[in-house]
Amino acid sequence: MKLHTLAATAALMVGALAAAHATDPKATIADLDARLTKIGAPKLDGTEKAGDKTVPGLFFGERKINNNYDVVDAIRKAHDATATLFVKHGACYNPIKDASGKLIGVSYIGHKN
């Protein structure tokens, strides 16, 4: 009986640690980065339709990421989180830094063409 209780306690601890890890933003973004790095080096090549816009094609290795949801869907399943990749095109993103220079956010503007 004691071994059964110990096994159940260990299973609960592993489950709690996994749940904590699953909701850790730094762990989630690290997982996303690792998955993308495993696919290959990032590069822009060609163009892709995004709604009514034409934007640069974003690749990791030979895999085009535009309109390809397998990596972000895997993050959703593994971490119960959303993930999005943006390709730089026309609109403007700027880092928001605190007084010490630490990145604390990002600002965005976009113009309709």
C-alpha atoms as a PDB file:
ATOM      1  CA  MET A   1       0.000   0.000   0.000  1.00  0.00           C
ATOM      2  CA  LYS A   2       2.838   2.369   0.832  1.00  0.00           C
ATOM      3  CA  LEU A   3       4.431   1.860  -2.622  1.00  0.00           C
ATOM      4  CA  HIS A   4       1.065   2.618  -4.272  1.00  0.00           C
ATOM      5  CA  THR A   5       0.782   5.900  -2.288  1.00  0.00           C
ATOM      6  CA  LEU A   6       4.347   6.850  -3.193  1.00  0.00           C
ATOM      7  CA  ALA A   7       3.683   6.186  -6.877  1.00  0.00           C
ATOM      8  CA  ALA A   8       0.471   8.231  -6.775  1.00  0.00           C
ATOM      9  CA  THR A   9       2.253  11.101  -5.032  1.00  0.00           C
ATOM     10  CA  ALA A  10       5.058  11.014  -7.606  1.00  0.00           C
ATOM     11  CA  ALA A  11       2.533  11.031 -10.441  1.00  0.00           C
ATOM     12  CA  LEU A  12       0.775  14.056  -8.935  1.00  0.00           C
ATOM     13  CA  MET A  13       4.087  15.902  -8.546  1.00  0.00           C
ATOM     14  CA  VAL A  14       5.064  15.170 -12.145  1.00  0.00           C
ATOM     15  CA  GLY A  15       1.638  16.336 -13.290  1.00  0.00           C
ATOM     16  CA  ALA A  16       1.923  19.546 -11.268  1.00  0.00           C
ATOM     17  CA  LEU A  17       5.398  20.249 -12.627  1.00  0.00           C
ATOM     18  CA  ALA A  18       4.222  19.607 -16.178  1.00  0.00           C
ATOM     19  CA  ALA A  19       1.258  21.932 -15.684  1.00  0.00           C
ATOM     20  CA  ALA A  20       3.506  24.666 -14.280  1.00  0.00           C
ATOM     21  CA  HIS A  21       5.906  24.220 -17.188  1.00  0.00           C
ATOM     22  CA  ALA A  22       3.031  24.270 -19.664  1.00  0.00           C
ATOM     23  CA  THR A  23       1.926  27.739 -18.524  1.00  0.00           C
ATOM     24  CA  ASP A  24       5.411  29.256 -18.269  1.00  0.00           C
ATOM     25  CA  PRO A  25       5.711  31.824 -21.095  1.00  0.00           C
ATOM     26  CA  LYS A  26       9.504  31.560 -21.202  1.00  0.00           C
ATOM     27  CA  ALA A  27       9.311  27.773 -21.507  1.00  0.00           C
ATOM     28  CA  THR A  28       6.640  28.057 -24.190  1.00  0.00           C
ATOM     29  CA  ILE A  29       8.596  30.534 -26.330  1.00  0.00           C
ATOM     30  CA  ALA A  30      11.746  28.436 -25.830  1.00  0.00           C
ATOM     31  CA  ASP A  31       9.831  25.402 -27.104  1.00  0.00           C
ATOM     32  CA  LEU A  32       8.603  27.372 -30.133  1.00  0.00           C
ATOM     33  CA  ASP A  33      12.133  28.608 -30.871  1.00  0.00           C
ATOM     34  CA  ALA A  34      13.563  25.098 -30.481  1.00  0.00           C
ATOM     35  CA  ARG A  35      10.965  23.614 -32.837  1.00  0.00           C
ATOM     36  CA  LEU A  36      11.685  26.277 -35.464  1.00  0.00           C
ATOM     37  CA  THR A  37      15.461  25.926 -35.081  1.00  0.00           C
ATOM     38  CA  LYS A  38      15.125  22.165 -35.558  1.00  0.00           C
ATOM     39  CA  ILE A  39      13.397  22.790 -38.909  1.00  0.00           C
ATOM     40  CA  GLY A  40      16.238  24.988 -40.188  1.00  0.00           C
ATOM     41  CA  ALA A  41      17.631  28.488 -40.485  1.00  0.00           C
ATOM     42  CA  PRO A  42      15.131  31.318 -41.044  1.00  0.00           C
ATOM     43  CA  LYS A  43      15.095  33.137 -44.388  1.00  0.00           C
ATOM     44  CA  LEU A  44      12.832  35.157 -46.646  1.00  0.00           C
ATOM     45  CA  ASP A  45      12.173  33.817 -50.132  1.00  0.00           C
ATOM     46  CA  GLY A  46       9.513  34.741 -52.655  1.00  0.00           C
ATOM     47  CA  THR A  47       6.068  35.965 -51.677  1.00  0.00           C
ATOM     48  CA  GLU A  48       2.853  34.618 -50.204  1.00  0.00           C
ATOM     49  CA  LYS A  49      -0.738  35.856 -50.118  1.00  0.00           C
ATOM     50  CA  ALA A  50      -1.943  36.902 -46.675  1.00  0.00           C
ATOM     51  CA  GLY A  51      -5.568  37.915 -47.061  1.00  0.00           C
ATOM     52  CA  ASP A  52      -5.587  40.626 -49.708  1.00  0.00           C
ATOM     53  CA  LYS A  53      -1.867  41.404 -49.218  1.00  0.00           C
ATOM     54  CA  THR A  54       1.258  39.925 -50.745  1.00  0.00           C
ATOM     55  CA  VAL A  55       3.994  39.475 -48.142  1.00  0.00           C
ATOM     56  CA  PRO A  56       7.480  37.933 -48.118  1.00  0.00           C
ATOM     57  CA  GLY A  57       7.665  34.148 -47.834  1.00  0.00           C
ATOM     58  CA  LEU A  58       9.016  33.189 -44.389  1.00  0.00           C
ATOM     59  CA  PHE A  59      10.946  29.918 -44.353  1.00  0.00           C
ATOM     60  CA  PHE A  60      12.683  27.853 -41.717  1.00  0.00           C
ATOM     61  CA  GLY A  61      14.964  25.559 -43.643  1.00  0.00           C
ATOM     62  CA  GLU A  62      13.000  24.405 -46.664  1.00  0.00           C
ATOM     63  CA  ARG A  63       9.613  24.707 -44.946  1.00  0.00           C
ATOM     64  CA  LYS A  64       7.485  27.753 -45.743  1.00  0.00           C
ATOM     65  CA  ILE A  65       5.832  28.953 -42.554  1.00  0.00           C
ATOM     66  CA  ASN A  66       3.279  31.322 -44.122  1.00  0.00           C
ATOM     67  CA  ASN A  67      -0.157  29.675 -43.866  1.00  0.00           C
ATOM     68  CA  ASN A  68       1.462  26.551 -42.361  1.00  0.00           C
ATOM     69  CA  TYR A  69       0.082  25.947 -38.878  1.00  0.00           C
ATOM     70  CA  ASP A  70       1.686  22.685 -37.759  1.00  0.00           C
ATOM     71  CA  VAL A  71       4.322  24.284 -35.495  1.00  0.00           C
ATOM     72  CA  VAL A  72       1.955  26.755 -33.821  1.00  0.00           C
ATOM     73  CA  ASP A  73      -0.704  24.050 -33.473  1.00  0.00           C
ATOM     74  CA  ALA A  74       1.871  21.839 -31.728  1.00  0.00           C
ATOM     75  CA  ILE A  75       2.603  24.669 -29.287  1.00  0.00           C
ATOM     76  CA  ARG A  76      -1.131  25.079 -28.657  1.00  0.00           C
ATOM     77  CA  LYS A  77      -1.477  21.386 -27.891  1.00  0.00           C
ATOM     78  CA  ALA A  78       1.675  21.101 -25.772  1.00  0.00           C
ATOM     79  CA  HIS A  79       1.271  24.298 -23.763  1.00  0.00           C
ATOM     80  CA  ASP A  80      -2.393  25.317 -24.089  1.00  0.00           C
ATOM     81  CA  ALA A  81      -1.115  28.599 -25.550  1.00  0.00           C
ATOM     82  CA  THR A  82      -1.385  30.479 -28.799  1.00  0.00           C
ATOM     83  CA  ALA A  83       1.625  31.210 -30.982  1.00  0.00           C
ATOM     84  CA  THR A  84       2.026  33.479 -33.984  1.00  0.00           C
ATOM     85  CA  LEU A  85       4.918  34.210 -36.319  1.00  0.00           C
ATOM     86  CA  PHE A  86       5.085  37.550 -38.099  1.00  0.00           C
ATOM     87  CA  VAL A  87       7.031  38.349 -41.248  1.00  0.00           C
ATOM     88  CA  LYS A  88       8.337  41.897 -41.593  1.00  0.00           C
ATOM     89  CA  HIS A  89       6.425  43.694 -44.324  1.00  0.00           C
ATOM     90  CA  GLY A  90       5.530  47.418 -44.716  1.00  0.00           C
ATOM     91  CA  ALA A  91       4.028  47.869 -41.245  1.00  0.00           C
ATOM     92  CA  CYS A  92       6.283  48.911 -38.325  1.00  0.00           C
ATOM     93  CA  TYR A  93       7.134  47.119 -35.031  1.00  0.00           C
ATOM     94  CA  ASN A  94       9.319  48.815 -32.422  1.00  0.00           C
ATOM     95  CA  PRO A  95      10.621  47.457 -29.134  1.00  0.00           C
ATOM     96  CA  ILE A  96       9.454  49.082 -25.897  1.00  0.00           C
ATOM     97  CA  LYS A  97      12.267  49.150 -23.356  1.00  0.00           C
ATOM     98  CA  ASP A  98      12.283  50.247 -19.731  1.00  0.00           C
ATOM     99  CA  ALA A  99      14.808  52.697 -18.267  1.00  0.00           C
ATOM    100  CA  SER A 100      17.415  49.943 -17.865  1.00  0.00           C
ATOM    101  CA  GLY A 101      17.083  48.871 -21.506  1.00  0.00           C
ATOM    102  CA  LYS A 102      15.139  45.692 -20.761  1.00  0.00           C
ATOM    103  CA  LEU A 103      12.659  44.754 -23.496  1.00  0.00           C
ATOM    104  CA  ILE A 104       9.189  44.947 -21.957  1.00  0.00           C
ATOM    105  CA  GLY A 105       6.899  45.148 -24.970  1.00  0.00           C
ATOM    106  CA  VAL A 106       6.436  46.034 -28.606  1.00  0.00           C
ATOM    107  CA  SER A 107       4.500  48.719 -30.419  1.00  0.00           C
ATOM    108  CA  TYR A 108       2.934  48.288 -33.848  1.00  0.00           C
ATOM    109  CA  ILE A 109       1.429  50.488 -36.517  1.00  0.00           C
ATOM    110  CA  GLY A 110      -0.008  49.489 -39.857  1.00  0.00           C
ATOM    111  CA  HIS A 111      -1.397  51.385 -42.823  1.00  0.00           C
ATOM    112  CA  LYS A 112      -4.060  50.132 -45.186  1.00  0.00           C
ATOM    113  CA  ASN A 113      -2.811  50.236 -48.765  1.00  0.00           C
END
